[in-house]
Amino acid sequence: MNADFAGYHVPVNADVCGLEVITIHEEDPYVNALGIKGVGEIGVVGTVGAIANAVWHATGTRIRRFPIRIEDLMAS
């Protein structure tokens, strides 16, 4: 247990040996008309952080609020 999020261990890509996604058909009367459910969240865990780091390396400006907007880069 940690007192704050700064000391919390967050796994990175190097910590994960592999990831396999398996979809299983199920009947769900509450799903939308297209039959779409949220299944991509786990697969994009590090994406936002990687993009923010790329912006930081390219511009020298650390943005800590998402989405990253050009106005935030220009204000810094």
PDB file of N, CA and C in Angstrom:
ATOM      1  N   MET A   1       0.841  -1.170   0.000  1.00  0.00           N
ATOM      2  CA  MET A   1       0.000   0.000   0.000  1.00  0.00           C
ATOM      3  C   MET A   1       0.887   1.235   0.000  1.00  0.00           C
ATOM      4  N   ASN A   2       0.538   2.181  -0.845  1.00  0.00           N
ATOM      5  CA  ASN A   2       1.335   3.390  -0.985  1.00  0.00           C
ATOM      6  C   ASN A   2       0.525   4.601  -0.548  1.00  0.00           C
ATOM      7  N   ALA A   3       1.231   5.601  -0.043  1.00  0.00           N
ATOM      8  CA  ALA A   3       0.567   6.820   0.406  1.00  0.00           C
ATOM      9  C   ALA A   3       0.172   7.723  -0.763  1.00  0.00           C
ATOM     10  N   ASP A   4       0.873   7.574  -1.879  1.00  0.00           N
ATOM     11  CA  ASP A   4       0.556   8.407  -3.034  1.00  0.00           C
ATOM     12  C   ASP A   4       0.829   7.641  -4.325  1.00  0.00           C
ATOM     13  N   PHE A   5       0.392   8.197  -5.433  1.00  0.00           N
ATOM     14  CA  PHE A   5       0.544   7.533  -6.711  1.00  0.00           C
ATOM     15  C   PHE A   5       1.987   7.575  -7.205  1.00  0.00           C
ATOM     16  N   ALA A   6       2.780   8.537  -6.737  1.00  0.00           N
ATOM     17  CA  ALA A   6       4.166   8.663  -7.190  1.00  0.00           C
ATOM     18  C   ALA A   6       5.004   7.445  -6.821  1.00  0.00           C
ATOM     19  N   GLY A   7       4.696   6.815  -5.700  1.00  0.00           N
ATOM     20  CA  GLY A   7       5.448   5.645  -5.287  1.00  0.00           C
ATOM     21  C   GLY A   7       4.857   4.325  -5.755  1.00  0.00           C
ATOM     22  N   TYR A   8       3.762   4.390  -6.467  1.00  0.00           N
ATOM     23  CA  TYR A   8       3.069   3.195  -6.923  1.00  0.00           C
ATOM     24  C   TYR A   8       3.770   2.627  -8.150  1.00  0.00           C
ATOM     25  N   HIS A   9       4.050   1.334  -8.134  1.00  0.00           N
ATOM     26  CA  HIS A   9       4.707   0.703  -9.278  1.00  0.00           C
ATOM     27  C   HIS A   9       3.706   0.506 -10.411  1.00  0.00           C
ATOM     28  N   VAL A  10       3.991   1.126 -11.533  1.00  0.00           N
ATOM     29  CA  VAL A  10       3.141   0.989 -12.714  1.00  0.00           C
ATOM     30  C   VAL A  10       3.915   0.155 -13.729  1.00  0.00           C
ATOM     31  N   PRO A  11       3.378  -0.967 -14.156  1.00  0.00           N
ATOM     32  CA  PRO A  11       4.113  -1.788 -15.128  1.00  0.00           C
ATOM     33  C   PRO A  11       4.301  -1.057 -16.457  1.00  0.00           C
ATOM     34  N   VAL A  12       5.431  -1.306 -17.062  1.00  0.00           N
ATOM     35  CA  VAL A  12       5.729  -0.750 -18.379  1.00  0.00           C
ATOM     36  C   VAL A  12       5.847  -1.904 -19.375  1.00  0.00           C
ATOM     37  N   ASN A  13       6.033  -1.588 -20.631  1.00  0.00           N
ATOM     38  CA  ASN A  13       6.089  -2.629 -21.649  1.00  0.00           C
ATOM     39  C   ASN A  13       7.144  -3.688 -21.355  1.00  0.00           C
ATOM     40  N   ALA A  14       8.272  -3.303 -20.797  1.00  0.00           N
ATOM     41  CA  ALA A  14       9.337  -4.265 -20.492  1.00  0.00           C
ATOM     42  C   ALA A  14       8.917  -5.256 -19.406  1.00  0.00           C
ATOM     43  N   ASP A  15       7.946  -4.905 -18.585  1.00  0.00           N
ATOM     44  CA  ASP A  15       7.479  -5.793 -17.517  1.00  0.00           C
ATOM     45  C   ASP A  15       6.487  -6.841 -18.001  1.00  0.00           C
ATOM     46  N   VAL A  16       5.951  -6.662 -19.189  1.00  0.00           N
ATOM     47  CA  VAL A  16       4.914  -7.556 -19.695  1.00  0.00           C
ATOM     48  C   VAL A  16       5.535  -8.480 -20.743  1.00  0.00           C
ATOM     49  N   CYS A  17       5.493  -9.771 -20.479  1.00  0.00           N
ATOM     50  CA  CYS A  17       6.083 -10.730 -21.420  1.00  0.00           C
ATOM     51  C   CYS A  17       5.274 -10.808 -22.707  1.00  0.00           C
ATOM     52  N   GLY A  18       3.984 -10.828 -22.585  1.00  0.00           N
ATOM     53  CA  GLY A  18       3.137 -10.917 -23.767  1.00  0.00           C
ATOM     54  C   GLY A  18       1.701 -10.648 -23.385  1.00  0.00           C
ATOM     55  N   LEU A  19       0.918 -10.323 -24.358  1.00  0.00           N
ATOM     56  CA  LEU A  19      -0.479 -10.022 -24.104  1.00  0.00           C
ATOM     57  C   LEU A  19      -1.293 -10.667 -25.201  1.00  0.00           C
ATOM     58  N   GLU A  20      -2.249 -11.478 -24.810  1.00  0.00           N
ATOM     59  CA  GLU A  20      -3.117 -12.136 -25.773  1.00  0.00           C
ATOM     60  C   GLU A  20      -4.551 -11.709 -25.500  1.00  0.00           C
ATOM     61  N   VAL A  21      -5.209 -11.258 -26.537  1.00  0.00           N
ATOM     62  CA  VAL A  21      -6.582 -10.810 -26.411  1.00  0.00           C
ATOM     63  C   VAL A  21      -7.491 -11.874 -27.008  1.00  0.00           C
ATOM     64  N   ILE A  22      -8.454 -12.309 -26.220  1.00  0.00           N
ATOM     65  CA  ILE A  22      -9.414 -13.306 -26.680  1.00  0.00           C
ATOM     66  C   ILE A  22     -10.799 -12.700 -26.549  1.00  0.00           C
ATOM     67  N   THR A  23     -11.544 -12.711 -27.629  1.00  0.00           N
ATOM     68  CA  THR A  23     -12.913 -12.209 -27.570  1.00  0.00           C
ATOM     69  C   THR A  23     -13.875 -13.385 -27.535  1.00  0.00           C
ATOM     70  N   ILE A  24     -14.878 -13.263 -26.729  1.00  0.00           N
ATOM     71  CA  ILE A  24     -15.867 -14.317 -26.548  1.00  0.00           C
ATOM     72  C   ILE A  24     -17.240 -13.748 -26.868  1.00  0.00           C
ATOM     73  N   HIS A  25     -17.968 -14.433 -27.727  1.00  0.00           N
ATOM     74  CA  HIS A  25     -19.307 -13.977 -28.084  1.00  0.00           C
ATOM     75  C   HIS A  25     -20.240 -14.162 -26.892  1.00  0.00           C
ATOM     76  N   GLU A  26     -21.064 -13.174 -26.632  1.00  0.00           N
ATOM     77  CA  GLU A  26     -22.072 -13.277 -25.588  1.00  0.00           C
ATOM     78  C   GLU A  26     -23.273 -12.432 -25.986  1.00  0.00           C
ATOM     79  N   GLU A  27     -24.407 -12.849 -25.560  1.00  0.00           N
ATOM     80  CA  GLU A  27     -25.622 -12.079 -25.799  1.00  0.00           C
ATOM     81  C   GLU A  27     -25.735 -10.998 -24.731  1.00  0.00           C
ATOM     82  N   ASP A  28     -25.913  -9.766 -25.173  1.00  0.00           N
ATOM     83  CA  ASP A  28     -26.031  -8.649 -24.243  1.00  0.00           C
ATOM     84  C   ASP A  28     -27.136  -7.717 -24.738  1.00  0.00           C
ATOM     85  N   PRO A  29     -28.259  -7.682 -24.066  1.00  0.00           N
ATOM     86  CA  PRO A  29     -29.360  -6.840 -24.535  1.00  0.00           C
ATOM     87  C   PRO A  29     -29.098  -5.346 -24.364  1.00  0.00           C
ATOM     88  N   TYR A  30     -28.052  -4.972 -23.641  1.00  0.00           N
ATOM     89  CA  TYR A  30     -27.792  -3.556 -23.367  1.00  0.00           C
ATOM     90  C   TYR A  30     -26.707  -2.959 -24.252  1.00  0.00           C
ATOM     91  N   VAL A  31     -26.086  -3.761 -25.100  1.00  0.00           N
ATOM     92  CA  VAL A  31     -25.042  -3.244 -25.984  1.00  0.00           C
ATOM     93  C   VAL A  31     -25.682  -2.340 -27.039  1.00  0.00           C
ATOM     94  N   ASN A  32     -24.907  -1.426 -27.604  1.00  0.00           N
ATOM     95  CA  ASN A  32     -25.485  -0.477 -28.560  1.00  0.00           C
ATOM     96  C   ASN A  32     -25.851  -1.148 -29.884  1.00  0.00           C
ATOM     97  N   ALA A  33     -26.462  -0.392 -30.786  1.00  0.00           N
ATOM     98  CA  ALA A  33     -26.976  -0.946 -32.042  1.00  0.00           C
ATOM     99  C   ALA A  33     -25.878  -1.535 -32.926  1.00  0.00           C
ATOM    100  N   LEU A  34     -24.658  -1.033 -32.808  1.00  0.00           N
ATOM    101  CA  LEU A  34     -23.555  -1.563 -33.609  1.00  0.00           C
ATOM    102  C   LEU A  34     -22.919  -2.802 -32.994  1.00  0.00           C
ATOM    103  N   GLY A  35     -23.302  -3.111 -31.759  1.00  0.00           N
ATOM    104  CA  GLY A  35     -22.713  -4.264 -31.080  1.00  0.00           C
ATOM    105  C   GLY A  35     -21.309  -4.017 -30.567  1.00  0.00           C
ATOM    106  N   ILE A  36     -20.996  -2.760 -30.297  1.00  0.00           N
ATOM    107  CA  ILE A  36     -19.640  -2.394 -29.890  1.00  0.00           C
ATOM    108  C   ILE A  36     -19.547  -2.287 -28.372  1.00  0.00           C
ATOM    109  N   LYS A  37     -18.515  -2.899 -27.821  1.00  0.00           N
ATOM    110  CA  LYS A  37     -18.204  -2.776 -26.395  1.00  0.00           C
ATOM    111  C   LYS A  37     -16.772  -2.277 -26.268  1.00  0.00           C
ATOM    112  N   GLY A  38     -16.430  -1.760 -25.116  1.00  0.00           N
ATOM    113  CA  GLY A  38     -15.060  -1.317 -24.886  1.00  0.00           C
ATOM    114  C   GLY A  38     -14.153  -2.494 -24.589  1.00  0.00           C
ATOM    115  N   VAL A  39     -13.254  -2.803 -25.507  1.00  0.00           N
ATOM    116  CA  VAL A  39     -12.320  -3.900 -25.286  1.00  0.00           C
ATOM    117  C   VAL A  39     -10.870  -3.480 -25.534  1.00  0.00           C
ATOM    118  N   GLY A  40     -10.656  -2.236 -25.928  1.00  0.00           N
ATOM    119  CA  GLY A  40      -9.310  -1.826 -26.295  1.00  0.00           C
ATOM    120  C   GLY A  40      -8.526  -1.128 -25.214  1.00  0.00           C
ATOM    121  N   GLU A  41      -9.125  -0.921 -24.042  1.00  0.00           N
ATOM    122  CA  GLU A  41      -8.454  -0.140 -23.009  1.00  0.00           C
ATOM    123  C   GLU A  41      -7.148  -0.786 -22.540  1.00  0.00           C
ATOM    124  N   ILE A  42      -7.141  -2.082 -22.324  1.00  0.00           N
ATOM    125  CA  ILE A  42      -5.941  -2.746 -21.813  1.00  0.00           C
ATOM    126  C   ILE A  42      -4.825  -2.724 -22.838  1.00  0.00           C
ATOM    127  N   GLY A  43      -5.168  -2.812 -24.100  1.00  0.00           N
ATOM    128  CA  GLY A  43      -4.150  -2.827 -25.144  1.00  0.00           C
ATOM    129  C   GLY A  43      -3.454  -1.502 -25.364  1.00  0.00           C
ATOM    130  N   VAL A  44      -3.990  -0.408 -24.850  1.00  0.00           N
ATOM    131  CA  VAL A  44      -3.400   0.909 -25.071  1.00  0.00           C
ATOM    132  C   VAL A  44      -2.925   1.550 -23.766  1.00  0.00           C
ATOM    133  N   VAL A  45      -2.567   0.730 -22.789  1.00  0.00           N
ATOM    134  CA  VAL A  45      -2.192   1.240 -21.469  1.00  0.00           C
ATOM    135  C   VAL A  45      -1.067   2.263 -21.543  1.00  0.00           C
ATOM    136  N   GLY A  46      -0.016   2.000 -22.277  1.00  0.00           N
ATOM    137  CA  GLY A  46       1.126   2.903 -22.296  1.00  0.00           C
ATOM    138  C   GLY A  46       1.113   3.934 -23.402  1.00  0.00           C
ATOM    139  N   THR A  47       0.095   3.940 -24.227  1.00  0.00           N
ATOM    140  CA  THR A  47       0.094   4.801 -25.405  1.00  0.00           C
ATOM    141  C   THR A  47       0.095   6.283 -25.065  1.00  0.00           C
ATOM    142  N   VAL A  48      -0.765   6.712 -24.164  1.00  0.00           N
ATOM    143  CA  VAL A  48      -0.860   8.137 -23.837  1.00  0.00           C
ATOM    144  C   VAL A  48       0.449   8.641 -23.235  1.00  0.00           C
ATOM    145  N   GLY A  49       1.026   7.859 -22.329  1.00  0.00           N
ATOM    146  CA  GLY A  49       2.304   8.251 -21.739  1.00  0.00           C
ATOM    147  C   GLY A  49       3.421   8.315 -22.775  1.00  0.00           C
ATOM    148  N   ALA A  50       3.422   7.369 -23.707  1.00  0.00           N
ATOM    149  CA  ALA A  50       4.444   7.364 -24.752  1.00  0.00           C
ATOM    150  C   ALA A  50       4.304   8.586 -25.660  1.00  0.00           C
ATOM    151  N   ILE A  51       3.080   8.937 -25.990  1.00  0.00           N
ATOM    152  CA  ILE A  51       2.858  10.125 -26.826  1.00  0.00           C
ATOM    153  C   ILE A  51       3.279  11.384 -26.077  1.00  0.00           C
ATOM    154  N   ALA A  52       2.929  11.471 -24.795  1.00  0.00           N
ATOM    155  CA  ALA A  52       3.315  12.642 -24.002  1.00  0.00           C
ATOM    156  C   ALA A  52       4.834  12.755 -23.909  1.00  0.00           C
ATOM    157  N   ASN A  53       5.524  11.633 -23.732  1.00  0.00           N
ATOM    158  CA  ASN A  53       6.989  11.664 -23.690  1.00  0.00           C
ATOM    159  C   ASN A  53       7.580  12.062 -25.033  1.00  0.00           C
ATOM    160  N   ALA A  54       6.973  11.608 -26.129  1.00  0.00           N
ATOM    161  CA  ALA A  54       7.450  11.997 -27.453  1.00  0.00           C
ATOM    162  C   ALA A  54       7.290  13.497 -27.660  1.00  0.00           C
ATOM    163  N   VAL A  55       6.169  14.047 -27.216  1.00  0.00           N
ATOM    164  CA  VAL A  55       5.946  15.502 -27.317  1.00  0.00           C
ATOM    165  C   VAL A  55       6.974  16.236 -26.472  1.00  0.00           C
ATOM    166  N   TRP A  56       7.236  15.732 -25.280  1.00  0.00           N
ATOM    167  CA  TRP A  56       8.228  16.362 -24.398  1.00  0.00           C
ATOM    168  C   TRP A  56       9.622  16.343 -25.026  1.00  0.00           C
ATOM    169  N   HIS A  57      10.010  15.190 -25.589  1.00  0.00           N
ATOM    170  CA  HIS A  57      11.332  15.087 -26.217  1.00  0.00           C
ATOM    171  C   HIS A  57      11.436  15.988 -27.450  1.00  0.00           C
ATOM    172  N   ALA A  58      10.344  16.126 -28.182  1.00  0.00           N
ATOM    173  CA  ALA A  58      10.373  16.931 -29.401  1.00  0.00           C
ATOM    174  C   ALA A  58      10.329  18.427 -29.119  1.00  0.00           C
ATOM    175  N   THR A  59       9.625  18.818 -28.064  1.00  0.00           N
ATOM    176  CA  THR A  59       9.401  20.248 -27.825  1.00  0.00           C
ATOM    177  C   THR A  59      10.077  20.783 -26.570  1.00  0.00           C
ATOM    178  N   GLY A  60      10.422  19.906 -25.645  1.00  0.00           N
ATOM    179  CA  GLY A  60      10.973  20.350 -24.377  1.00  0.00           C
ATOM    180  C   GLY A  60       9.915  20.807 -23.396  1.00  0.00           C
ATOM    181  N   THR A  61       8.646  20.651 -23.749  1.00  0.00           N
ATOM    182  CA  THR A  61       7.542  21.070 -22.899  1.00  0.00           C
ATOM    183  C   THR A  61       6.821  19.837 -22.368  1.00  0.00           C
ATOM    184  N   ARG A  62       6.740  19.739 -21.052  1.00  0.00           N
ATOM    185  CA  ARG A  62       6.042  18.602 -20.432  1.00  0.00           C
ATOM    186  C   ARG A  62       4.580  18.977 -20.247  1.00  0.00           C
ATOM    187  N   ILE A  63       3.700  18.256 -20.895  1.00  0.00           N
ATOM    188  CA  ILE A  63       2.258  18.459 -20.778  1.00  0.00           C
ATOM    189  C   ILE A  63       1.704  17.354 -19.901  1.00  0.00           C
ATOM    190  N   ARG A  64       0.971  17.712 -18.865  1.00  0.00           N
ATOM    191  CA  ARG A  64       0.444  16.728 -17.925  1.00  0.00           C
ATOM    192  C   ARG A  64      -1.074  16.645 -17.942  1.00  0.00           C
ATOM    193  N   ARG A  65      -1.694  17.226 -18.960  1.00  0.00           N
ATOM    194  CA  ARG A  65      -3.147  17.172 -19.079  1.00  0.00           C
ATOM    195  C   ARG A  65      -3.484  16.689 -20.486  1.00  0.00           C
ATOM    196  N   PHE A  66      -4.454  15.832 -20.558  1.00  0.00           N
ATOM    197  CA  PHE A  66      -4.822  15.245 -21.842  1.00  0.00           C
ATOM    198  C   PHE A  66      -6.238  15.620 -22.204  1.00  0.00           C
ATOM    199  N   PRO A  67      -6.554  15.783 -23.451  1.00  0.00           N
ATOM    200  CA  PRO A  67      -5.684  15.593 -24.611  1.00  0.00           C
ATOM    201  C   PRO A  67      -4.659  16.726 -24.723  1.00  0.00           C
ATOM    202  N   ILE A  68      -3.555  16.423 -25.375  1.00  0.00           N
ATOM    203  CA  ILE A  68      -2.514  17.427 -25.595  1.00  0.00           C
ATOM    204  C   ILE A  68      -2.972  18.324 -26.735  1.00  0.00           C
ATOM    205  N   ARG A  69      -3.019  19.606 -26.474  1.00  0.00           N
ATOM    206  CA  ARG A  69      -3.480  20.571 -27.479  1.00  0.00           C
ATOM    207  C   ARG A  69      -2.365  21.543 -27.809  1.00  0.00           C
ATOM    208  N   ILE A  70      -2.400  22.045 -29.010  1.00  0.00           N
ATOM    209  CA  ILE A  70      -1.387  22.996 -29.451  1.00  0.00           C
ATOM    210  C   ILE A  70      -1.373  24.240 -28.572  1.00  0.00           C
ATOM    211  N   GLU A  71      -2.542  24.619 -28.047  1.00  0.00           N
ATOM    212  CA  GLU A  71      -2.614  25.788 -27.167  1.00  0.00           C
ATOM    213  C   GLU A  71      -1.798  25.562 -25.885  1.00  0.00           C
ATOM    214  N   ASP A  72      -1.807  24.331 -25.389  1.00  0.00           N
ATOM    215  CA  ASP A  72      -1.019  24.021 -24.182  1.00  0.00           C
ATOM    216  C   ASP A  72       0.476  24.093 -24.470  1.00  0.00           C
ATOM    217  N   LEU A  73       0.876  23.658 -25.650  1.00  0.00           N
ATOM    218  CA  LEU A  73       2.291  23.731 -26.020  1.00  0.00           C
ATOM    219  C   LEU A  73       2.737  25.180 -26.215  1.00  0.00           C
ATOM    220  N   MET A  74       1.907  25.973 -26.832  1.00  0.00           N
ATOM    221  CA  MET A  74       2.260  27.372 -27.096  1.00  0.00           C
ATOM    222  C   MET A  74       2.265  28.219 -25.831  1.00  0.00           C
ATOM    223  N   ALA A  75       1.459  27.835 -24.826  1.00  0.00           N
ATOM    224  CA  ALA A  75       1.377  28.609 -23.583  1.00  0.00           C
ATOM    225  C   ALA A  75       2.605  28.419 -22.710  1.00  0.00           C
ATOM    226  N   SER A  76       3.304  27.340 -22.895  1.00  0.00           N
ATOM    227  CA  SER A  76       4.462  27.040 -22.026  1.00  0.00           C
ATOM    228  C   SER A  76       5.718  27.710 -22.495  1.00  0.00           C
TER     229      SER A  76
END
